C-alpha atoms as a PDB file:
ATOM      1  CA  GLU A   1      18.190  31.504   8.539  1.00  0.00           C
ATOM      2  CA  GLU A   2      17.991  29.349   6.458  1.00  0.00           C
ATOM      3  CA  LYS A   3      18.363  25.291   7.313  1.00  0.00           C
ATOM      4  CA  ASP A   4      17.760  22.492   5.561  1.00  0.00           C
ATOM      5  CA  PHE A   5      15.173  20.650   8.210  1.00  0.00           C
ATOM      6  CA  LEU A   6      16.090  17.776   7.898  1.00  0.00           C
ATOM      7  CA  GLN A   7      19.661  18.028   8.884  1.00  0.00           C
ATOM      8  CA  MET A   8      18.343  20.105  11.902  1.00  0.00           C
ATOM      9  CA  PRO A   9      19.731  18.360  15.563  1.00  0.00           C
ATOM     10  CA  VAL A  10      17.278  17.066  17.697  1.00  0.00           C
ATOM     11  CA  GLU A  11      18.369  18.162  20.734  1.00  0.00           C
ATOM     12  CA  ASN A  12      15.779  16.102  22.820  1.00  0.00           C
ATOM     13  CA  GLU A  13      13.862  14.005  21.285  1.00  0.00           C
ATOM     14  CA  THR A  14      11.809  13.473  24.568  1.00  0.00           C
ATOM     15  CA  SER A  15      11.366  16.989  25.624  1.00  0.00           C
ATOM     16  CA  GLY A  16      11.300  18.626  22.066  1.00  0.00           C
ATOM     17  CA  THR A  17      12.444  22.169  21.279  1.00  0.00           C
ATOM     18  CA  TYR A  18       9.047  23.824  19.898  1.00  0.00           C
ATOM     19  CA  ASP A  19       5.806  24.373  21.114  1.00  0.00           C
ATOM     20  CA  VAL A  20       4.772  25.413  17.622  1.00  0.00           C
ATOM     21  CA  ILE A  21       5.468  24.298  14.266  1.00  0.00           C
ATOM     22  CA  VAL A  22       4.284  24.970  10.883  1.00  0.00           C
ATOM     23  CA  CYS A  23       4.715  23.283   7.665  1.00  0.00           C
ATOM     24  CA  SER A  24       2.982  24.079   4.835  1.00  0.00           C
ATOM     25  CA  MET A  25       2.754  22.894   0.986  1.00  0.00           C
ATOM     26  CA  VAL A  26       6.575  21.481   2.249  1.00  0.00           C
ATOM     27  CA  LEU A  27       6.358  17.886   2.341  1.00  0.00           C
ATOM     28  CA  ASN A  28       5.074  17.151  -1.326  1.00  0.00           C
ATOM     29  CA  CYS A  29       8.183  19.566  -1.854  1.00  0.00           C
ATOM     30  CA  VAL A  30      10.430  16.651  -0.698  1.00  0.00           C
ATOM     31  CA  THR A  31      11.987  14.034  -3.180  1.00  0.00           C
ATOM     32  CA  THR A  32      11.949  10.870  -1.728  1.00  0.00           C
ATOM     33  CA  PRO A  33       9.304   9.140   0.201  1.00  0.00           C
ATOM     34  CA  GLU A  34      11.756   7.825   2.547  1.00  0.00           C
ATOM     35  CA  ASP A  35      12.785  11.859   3.351  1.00  0.00           C
ATOM     36  CA  ARG A  36       9.138  12.397   3.721  1.00  0.00           C
ATOM     37  CA  GLY A  37       9.025  10.598   6.112  1.00  0.00           C
ATOM     38  CA  LEU A  38      11.844  11.213   7.912  1.00  0.00           C
ATOM     39  CA  MET A  39      11.091  15.219   7.576  1.00  0.00           C
ATOM     40  CA  LEU A  40       7.275  13.730   9.543  1.00  0.00           C
ATOM     41  CA  SER A  41       9.351  12.029  12.060  1.00  0.00           C
ATOM     42  CA  LEU A  42      11.018  15.256  12.990  1.00  0.00           C
ATOM     43  CA  LEU A  43       8.050  17.087  13.192  1.00  0.00           C
ATOM     44  CA  TYR A  44       7.094  14.942  15.915  1.00  0.00           C
ATOM     45  CA  LYS A  45      10.557  15.026  17.475  1.00  0.00           C
ATOM     46  CA  GLN A  46      10.978  18.718  17.272  1.00  0.00           C
ATOM     47  CA  LEU A  47       7.358  19.504  18.877  1.00  0.00           C
ATOM     48  CA  ARG A  48       7.124  19.974  22.911  1.00  0.00           C
ATOM     49  CA  PRO A  49       4.753  17.158  24.344  1.00  0.00           C
ATOM     50  CA  GLY A  50       1.284  19.532  23.855  1.00  0.00           C
ATOM     51  CA  GLY A  51       2.759  21.186  20.771  1.00  0.00           C
ATOM     52  CA  LEU A  52       0.947  21.814  17.598  1.00  0.00           C
ATOM     53  CA  CYS A  53       1.942  21.369  13.919  1.00  0.00           C
ATOM     54  CA  PHE A  54      -0.103  23.584  11.775  1.00  0.00           C
ATOM     55  CA  PHE A  55      -0.002  20.527   8.489  1.00  0.00           C
ATOM     56  CA  THR A  56      -0.683  21.362   5.023  1.00  0.00           C
ATOM     57  CA  MET A  57      -0.532  19.622   1.656  1.00  0.00           C
ATOM     58  CA  PRO A  58      -2.305  19.697  -2.084  1.00  0.00           C
ATOM     59  CA  ARG A  59      -5.293  17.376  -1.706  1.00  0.00           C
ATOM     60  CA  LEU A  60      -3.981  15.491  -4.481  1.00  0.00           C
ATOM     61  CA  CYS A  61      -1.149  14.281  -2.650  1.00  0.00           C
ATOM     62  CA  ILE A  62      -3.295  12.168  -0.798  1.00  0.00           C
ATOM     63  CA  ASN A  63      -6.649  12.005  -3.412  1.00  0.00           C
ATOM     64  CA  GLN A  64      -4.993  10.644  -6.424  1.00  0.00           C
ATOM     65  CA  SER A  65      -1.058   9.082  -5.536  1.00  0.00           C
ATOM     66  CA  LYS A  66      -0.510   5.530  -6.633  1.00  0.00           C
ATOM     67  CA  PHE A  67       0.776   4.667  -3.144  1.00  0.00           C
ATOM     68  CA  ILE A  68      -0.837   6.641  -0.590  1.00  0.00           C
ATOM     69  CA  ASP A  69      -4.320   7.982   0.236  1.00  0.00           C
ATOM     70  CA  ARG A  70      -6.135  10.033   3.348  1.00  0.00           C
ATOM     71  CA  LYS A  71      -6.264   6.738   5.337  1.00  0.00           C
ATOM     72  CA  LEU A  72      -3.206   5.432   4.838  1.00  0.00           C
ATOM     73  CA  PHE A  73      -1.914   9.123   5.559  1.00  0.00           C
ATOM     74  CA  GLU A  74      -3.456   9.638   9.017  1.00  0.00           C
ATOM     75  CA  GLU A  75      -2.522   6.712  10.255  1.00  0.00           C
ATOM     76  CA  LEU A  76       1.085   7.067   9.741  1.00  0.00           C
ATOM     77  CA  LEU A  77       0.447  10.402  11.480  1.00  0.00           C
ATOM     78  CA  THR A  78      -1.522   8.565  14.221  1.00  0.00           C
ATOM     79  CA  ASP A  79      -0.349   4.715  15.152  1.00  0.00           C
ATOM     80  CA  ALA A  80       2.761   5.306  13.642  1.00  0.00           C
ATOM     81  CA  LEU A  81       4.267   8.311  14.301  1.00  0.00           C
ATOM     82  CA  GLY A  82       2.239   9.554  17.637  1.00  0.00           C
ATOM     83  CA  PHE A  83       0.025  12.409  16.311  1.00  0.00           C
ATOM     84  CA  GLU A  84      -2.997  13.521  17.880  1.00  0.00           C
ATOM     85  CA  ILE A  85      -5.242  15.494  15.345  1.00  0.00           C
ATOM     86  CA  ASP A  86      -6.711  17.876  16.877  1.00  0.00           C
ATOM     87  CA  SER A  87      -8.741  19.575  13.738  1.00  0.00           C
ATOM     88  CA  GLN A  88      -8.711  18.795   9.686  1.00  0.00           C
ATOM     89  CA  LYS A  89     -10.452  21.133   6.650  1.00  0.00           C
ATOM     90  CA  GLU A  90     -10.446  20.807   3.043  1.00  0.00           C
ATOM     91  CA  THR A  91     -10.744  23.101   0.598  1.00  0.00           C
ATOM     92  CA  PRO A  92     -11.250  21.629  -2.795  1.00  0.00           C
ATOM     93  CA  LYS A  93      -6.723  22.352  -3.485  1.00  0.00           C
ATOM     94  CA  VAL A  94      -5.578  21.605  -0.227  1.00  0.00           C
ATOM     95  CA  ALA A  95      -6.098  19.750   2.784  1.00  0.00           C
ATOM     96  CA  PHE A  96      -5.404  21.083   6.598  1.00  0.00           C
ATOM     97  CA  TRP A  97      -4.907  19.260   9.838  1.00  0.00           C
ATOM     98  CA  ILE A  98      -3.749  20.717  13.165  1.00  0.00           C
ATOM     99  CA  LEU A  99      -1.845  18.104  14.543  1.00  0.00           C
ATOM    100  CA  LYS A 100      -0.262  17.847  18.514  1.00  0.00           C
ATOM    101  CA  ARG A 101       1.973  15.562  20.093  1.00  0.00           C
ATOM    102  CA  PRO A 102       0.757  13.884  23.341  1.00  0.00           C
ATOM    103  CA  LYS A 103       1.529  14.646  26.976  1.00  0.00           C
ATOM    104  CA  ASP A 104       1.074  10.776  27.365  1.00  0.00           C
ATOM    105  CA  GLU A 105       3.157   9.796  25.037  1.00  0.00           C
ATOM    106  CA  ALA A 106       2.407   5.991  26.370  1.00  0.00           C
ATOM    107  CA  LYS A 107      -0.050   6.095  23.927  1.00  0.00           C
ATOM    108  CA  LYS A 108       2.872   5.932  21.142  1.00  0.00           C
ATOM    109  CA  MET A 109       3.602   2.369  22.252  1.00  0.00           C
ATOM    110  CA  VAL A 110       1.769   0.217  19.379  1.00  0.00           C
ATOM    111  CA  LYS A 111       2.923  -2.391  17.014  1.00  0.00           C
ATOM    112  CA  TRP A 112       5.001  -1.453  14.297  1.00  0.00           C
ATOM    113  CA  ASN A 113       3.788  -2.095  10.737  1.00  0.00           C
ATOM    114  CA  LYS A 114       6.162  -3.163   8.199  1.00  0.00           C
ATOM    115  CA  LYS A 115       2.991  -2.108   5.508  1.00  0.00           C
ATOM    116  CA  TRP A 116       4.444   2.140   6.945  1.00  0.00           C
ATOM    117  CA  GLU A 117       7.880   1.165   5.537  1.00  0.00           C
ATOM    118  CA  ALA A 118       7.166   0.799   1.677  1.00  0.00           C
ATOM    119  CA  THR A 119       5.236   2.533  -0.597  1.00  0.00           C
ATOM    120  CA  PRO A 120       3.322  -0.271  -2.732  1.00  0.00           C
ATOM    121  CA  ILE A 121       0.988   0.629  -5.659  1.00  0.00           C
ATOM    122  CA  ILE A 122      -2.705   0.355  -3.706  1.00  0.00           C
ATOM    123  CA  HIS A 123      -4.372   2.399  -6.880  1.00  0.00           C
ATOM    124  CA  ARG A 124      -3.818   1.258 -10.378  1.00  0.00           C
ATOM    125  CA  ALA A 125      -6.624   3.483 -12.093  1.00  0.00           C
ATOM    126  CA  GLN A 126      -5.697   5.850 -14.598  1.00  0.00           C
ATOM    127  CA  LYS A 127      -7.064   8.781 -12.160  1.00  0.00           C
ATOM    128  CA  PHE A 128      -3.914   7.869  -9.459  1.00  0.00           C
ATOM    129  CA  ARG A 129      -1.559   9.192 -11.328  1.00  0.00           C
ATOM    130  CA  ASN A 130       0.391  11.202  -8.917  1.00  0.00           C
ATOM    131  CA  LEU A 131       3.973   9.482  -8.173  1.00  0.00           C
ATOM    132  CA  PHE A 132       3.581  11.035  -3.909  1.00  0.00           C
ATOM    133  CA  GLY A 133       4.332   8.735  -1.079  1.00  0.00           C
ATOM    134  CA  VAL A 134       5.502   8.302   1.972  1.00  0.00           C
ATOM    135  CA  SER A 135       7.830   5.832   3.923  1.00  0.00           C
ATOM    136  CA  LEU A 136       8.811   5.516   7.384  1.00  0.00           C
ATOM    137  CA  LYS A 137      11.772   3.937   8.930  1.00  0.00           C
ATOM    138  CA  LYS A 138      11.522   2.299  12.091  1.00  0.00           C
ATOM    139  CA  ASP A 139      14.911   3.710  13.783  1.00  0.00           C
ATOM    140  CA  HIS A 140      13.549   7.200  12.675  1.00  0.00           C
ATOM    141  CA  VAL A 141      10.570   6.923  15.039  1.00  0.00           C
ATOM    142  CA  TYR A 142      11.636   5.350  17.315  1.00  0.00           C
ATOM    143  CA  GLY A 143      15.721   5.560  17.527  1.00  0.00           C
ATOM    144  CA  ARG A 144      18.502   2.943  18.262  1.00  0.00           C
ATOM    145  CA  LYS A 145      16.017   1.408  20.849  1.00  0.00           C
ATOM    146  CA  LYS A 146      14.193  -1.277  20.986  1.00  0.00           C
ATOM    147  CA  ARG A 147      10.296  -1.038  21.276  1.00  0.00           C
ATOM    148  CA  LEU A 148       7.500  -2.986  20.216  1.00  0.00           C
END
């Protein structure tokens, strides 16, 4: 059965649905920074606490982007979304992460940073010609409940 991940309902954001999700070379195919942010948020919400996401994407997305680098991408994963990075690895062309939804979600309660909502140019050199970026919406991450 084929499904659009961005349209899949989240049955219970607190308890999640899946123990494991594999997201391999998918995020880079999502067309807008906003939908990429939504997808990352949904990966988190669909996982059960303690669940793992095996995540891969081309290194070019974070090494040659005008809008994002590894540091900012991992900040989005951990500080904004609440994932723990269990491990990571790189090959010359692919970046791999094993992301974990923590069992104790109190760590997720961080002060929201407005920079996570935008995709400003952070690299201007000729080398940085890739247009990959991610932007998060607070409502997608936290729902409509008021948080920090």
